[in-house]
Every structure is written in C-alpha cells, then in structure tokens.
Amino acid sequence: MKKSLLTASMFSTGLAFSGIAQAVVVASSTLNVSATVAVDCTVTTTAVNFGNLNATNTTFANGDISVNCTPGVPYHIALDAGLNLDAFGFRNLKQVAGTAAVEYVLSSVSTPFVSEWGDADLSNTISRGASVADIGNGLSQPHTVYGASDVVSGHPTGAYTDIVNVTVFY
C-alpha cells in the first residue's frame, strides 16, 4: 500500500509542475471613444450711448457686438428695428417721460448714414439694412456698432431710449 500511495503522490506533483494543469484564459475587446464638437455661438454687447445730443450737430457714438462661434462656423449678426420704429422705417429713441422721439441709425461702417445695420435679409423687421456676416474662429470677435443721430431743434429735454435686439444666425 505504501508503494501505491507514493506513486500517486509523485504523479500528482508532476502534473502540478508540468503546466498542463494550469491554463491562462485571455479575453479581449475594443473600447470606442468619440466626441462631437458642437456648433455654438455666444454674443455679448456694449451699449451705444449718444450722451448729450446737440440740436445743431450730428452726434456719433459707438458700441460693440462680440460674437464667439465654433471655428469655421459662418454666422450673421442681425439688428432688429428696436421698439420705436417710425412710419418711415427709421429707428427712434423715445423720450422716457414723454412722447417725443429722436431718429438714429446704426451701422457696421464708420459712415453710418451710408449703410444701415439691420435684418432685412433675415427677419426683415427693418428693411433699411442687412445683417453682417462673418466666420467663427473660436475666439470672441468684436464688431463695432457705429451710431449717428441728428436732433432738430424743438425736441424736449430729458432722457431718450430704445432697445434693439441682436440675433446671431448660424
């Protein structure tokens, strides 16, 4: 009986060291990684403030519209008619504490009376001017807004205001 126990013990020890008894199993797969660069634009503005209007001269003022769009994305900046469009299609500053109005124009060029900035090619709330086109570069791109106002004598004193909506189409 001793001989058979010793033989069995040697046989099982041999199997353990031969590598046959221990097999390594390997499994593999792939991991998909993806992303989408979103087409996006943001817009910020700096007001056009004419300050004190002079009844004998044209008053000029500048503001700013800054647009930040995904690189390569074409966009248009449109300015609507504001709250006080008159019957002739002109924007007006309206007296805060009264009914008087003062005409003004907004433009993307430094000679505002030559070319008005509007939305005639998009929303068409003001037919006197088209939007301004550009292409995003991933940085904030400034666009100067040139304003001009002619005040004729006889306008009551006081504060005048208007609100123009800026829309970026992309």
Protein backbone atom coordinates (compact mmCIF):
# COMPACT_ATOMS: atom_id res chain seq x y z
CA MET A 1 0.00 0.00 0.00
CA LYS A 2 2.91 2.32 0.64
CA LYS A 3 4.15 1.90 -2.88
CA SER A 4 0.86 2.89 -4.50
CA LEU A 5 0.48 5.95 -2.25
CA LEU A 6 3.98 7.13 -3.15
CA THR A 7 3.33 6.62 -6.87
CA ALA A 8 0.07 8.55 -6.73
CA SER A 9 1.74 11.38 -4.85
CA MET A 10 4.57 11.67 -7.37
CA PHE A 11 2.14 11.57 -10.28
CA SER A 12 0.03 14.46 -8.95
CA THR A 13 3.15 16.52 -8.12
CA GLY A 14 4.39 16.04 -11.66
CA LEU A 15 1.13 17.30 -13.12
CA ALA A 16 1.23 20.42 -10.98
CA PHE A 17 4.65 21.46 -12.31
CA SER A 18 4.13 20.45 -15.92
CA GLY A 19 1.93 23.49 -16.84
CA ILE A 20 -0.80 21.28 -18.20
CA ALA A 21 -2.92 21.58 -15.12
CA GLN A 22 -2.88 25.43 -15.11
CA ALA A 23 -4.19 27.16 -18.21
CA VAL A 24 -4.45 31.03 -18.53
CA VAL A 25 -7.57 32.34 -20.25
CA VAL A 26 -7.33 35.69 -22.11
CA ALA A 27 -10.35 37.72 -23.25
CA SER A 28 -10.18 40.94 -25.25
CA SER A 29 -12.48 43.58 -26.72
CA THR A 30 -12.36 47.17 -28.02
CA LEU A 31 -13.37 50.43 -26.35
CA ASN A 32 -14.95 53.02 -28.62
CA VAL A 33 -14.16 56.65 -27.75
CA SER A 34 -15.97 59.51 -29.50
CA ALA A 35 -16.95 63.16 -29.19
CA THR A 36 -18.89 65.74 -31.14
CA VAL A 37 -17.77 69.34 -31.43
CA ALA A 38 -20.98 71.30 -31.04
CA VAL A 39 -21.80 74.17 -33.33
CA ASP A 40 -22.32 77.01 -30.90
CA CYS A 41 -22.21 80.79 -30.73
CA THR A 42 -22.48 83.29 -27.88
CA VAL A 43 -22.99 87.05 -28.11
CA THR A 44 -22.29 89.98 -25.79
CA THR A 45 -22.93 93.69 -26.34
CA THR A 46 -21.70 97.08 -25.22
CA ALA A 47 -24.28 99.88 -25.44
CA VAL A 48 -24.31 102.72 -27.94
CA ASN A 49 -24.63 105.81 -25.74
CA PHE A 50 -25.04 109.14 -27.53
CA GLY A 51 -24.67 111.07 -24.29
CA ASN A 52 -25.91 114.65 -24.58
CA LEU A 53 -27.43 115.24 -28.01
CA ASN A 54 -26.70 118.57 -29.66
CA ALA A 55 -29.50 120.19 -31.66
CA THR A 56 -27.11 121.77 -34.14
CA ASN A 57 -24.76 118.86 -34.98
CA THR A 58 -24.90 115.18 -35.75
CA THR A 59 -23.93 113.14 -32.69
CA PHE A 60 -21.90 109.98 -33.15
CA ALA A 61 -21.39 107.09 -30.74
CA ASN A 62 -20.00 103.56 -30.90
CA GLY A 63 -20.94 100.29 -29.25
CA ASP A 64 -19.81 96.72 -29.71
CA ILE A 65 -21.24 93.30 -30.51
CA SER A 66 -18.83 90.46 -29.76
CA VAL A 67 -19.56 87.00 -31.14
CA ASN A 68 -17.76 83.78 -30.22
CA CYS A 69 -18.58 80.87 -32.55
CA THR A 70 -17.11 77.43 -33.12
CA PRO A 71 -14.19 77.74 -35.58
CA GLY A 72 -15.30 77.61 -39.21
CA VAL A 73 -18.99 78.31 -38.46
CA PRO A 74 -20.43 81.05 -40.69
CA TYR A 75 -22.80 83.46 -38.91
CA HIS A 76 -24.85 86.62 -39.47
CA ILE A 77 -25.45 89.34 -36.88
CA ALA A 78 -28.88 90.95 -37.29
CA LEU A 79 -30.21 94.04 -35.52
CA ASP A 80 -33.98 94.40 -35.38
CA ALA A 81 -35.96 97.62 -35.70
CA GLY A 82 -35.95 98.37 -31.98
CA LEU A 83 -39.03 99.36 -30.02
CA ASN A 84 -39.70 102.69 -31.72
CA LEU A 85 -39.67 102.23 -35.50
CA ASP A 86 -41.47 105.12 -37.17
CA ALA A 87 -43.77 105.08 -40.20
CA PHE A 88 -40.83 105.86 -42.49
CA GLY A 89 -38.82 102.83 -41.33
CA PHE A 90 -36.37 104.70 -39.07
CA ARG A 91 -35.30 103.69 -35.58
CA ASN A 92 -36.07 106.23 -32.88
CA LEU A 93 -35.01 106.98 -29.34
CA LYS A 94 -38.21 107.64 -27.43
CA GLN A 95 -38.47 110.12 -24.60
CA VAL A 96 -38.64 108.21 -21.29
CA ALA A 97 -41.03 110.69 -19.63
CA GLY A 98 -42.99 111.81 -22.67
CA THR A 99 -43.83 111.03 -26.28
CA ALA A 100 -41.10 112.80 -28.26
CA ALA A 101 -38.76 110.74 -30.46
CA VAL A 102 -35.27 111.29 -31.90
CA GLU A 103 -34.22 109.47 -35.06
CA TYR A 104 -30.96 107.50 -35.17
CA VAL A 105 -29.15 104.98 -37.36
CA LEU A 106 -26.86 102.04 -36.58
CA SER A 107 -24.21 100.80 -38.99
CA SER A 108 -21.27 98.42 -39.28
CA VAL A 109 -19.24 101.08 -41.11
CA SER A 110 -17.90 104.35 -39.72
CA THR A 111 -20.14 106.39 -42.03
CA PRO A 112 -23.49 105.35 -40.53
CA PHE A 113 -25.75 107.30 -42.90
CA VAL A 114 -24.32 105.37 -45.88
CA SER A 115 -25.20 101.84 -44.80
CA GLU A 116 -27.59 100.86 -42.01
CA TRP A 117 -27.23 97.64 -39.99
CA GLY A 118 -30.48 95.68 -39.84
CA ASP A 119 -32.06 92.35 -40.58
CA ALA A 120 -33.69 92.88 -43.99
CA ASP A 121 -32.03 89.70 -45.33
CA LEU A 122 -33.23 87.54 -42.40
CA SER A 123 -36.12 88.56 -40.10
CA ASN A 124 -36.97 91.74 -42.02
CA THR A 125 -38.18 93.84 -39.10
CA ILE A 126 -36.27 96.79 -40.58
CA SER A 127 -35.99 96.87 -44.34
CA ARG A 128 -33.36 99.63 -44.36
CA GLY A 129 -30.32 97.42 -43.70
CA ALA A 130 -28.90 93.92 -43.92
CA SER A 131 -27.12 91.74 -41.37
CA VAL A 132 -23.34 91.50 -41.01
CA ALA A 133 -21.68 88.19 -41.96
CA ASP A 134 -18.53 86.64 -40.50
CA ILE A 135 -16.96 83.22 -39.78
CA GLY A 136 -16.24 81.94 -36.26
CA ASN A 137 -12.67 81.37 -35.13
CA GLY A 138 -13.28 80.07 -31.60
CA LEU A 139 -12.47 83.46 -30.06
CA SER A 140 -14.59 86.49 -29.22
CA GLN A 141 -14.77 88.56 -32.42
CA PRO A 142 -15.69 92.23 -31.91
CA HIS A 143 -17.96 94.05 -34.37
CA THR A 144 -18.19 97.80 -33.86
CA VAL A 145 -21.66 99.35 -33.98
CA TYR A 146 -21.48 102.92 -35.28
CA GLY A 147 -24.38 105.14 -34.32
CA ALA A 148 -25.44 108.57 -35.51
CA SER A 149 -28.31 110.83 -34.51
CA ASP A 150 -29.46 114.16 -35.89
CA VAL A 151 -31.52 116.16 -33.46
CA VAL A 152 -33.51 119.01 -34.85
CA SER A 153 -34.31 121.95 -32.59
CA GLY A 154 -37.52 121.83 -30.65
CA HIS A 155 -37.10 118.41 -29.01
CA PRO A 156 -37.98 118.42 -25.33
CA THR A 157 -35.16 117.87 -22.87
CA GLY A 158 -34.89 114.60 -20.97
CA ALA A 159 -33.71 111.04 -21.35
CA TYR A 160 -34.42 109.09 -24.55
CA THR A 161 -34.00 105.33 -25.03
CA ASP A 162 -34.55 102.37 -27.34
CA ILE A 163 -33.84 98.64 -27.18
CA VAL A 164 -32.56 96.81 -30.27
CA ASN A 165 -32.49 93.02 -30.27
CA VAL A 166 -29.28 91.41 -31.53
CA THR A 167 -29.69 87.97 -33.11
CA VAL A 168 -26.85 85.76 -34.31
CA PHE A 169 -27.94 83.33 -37.02
CA TYR A 170 -25.61 80.34 -37.52
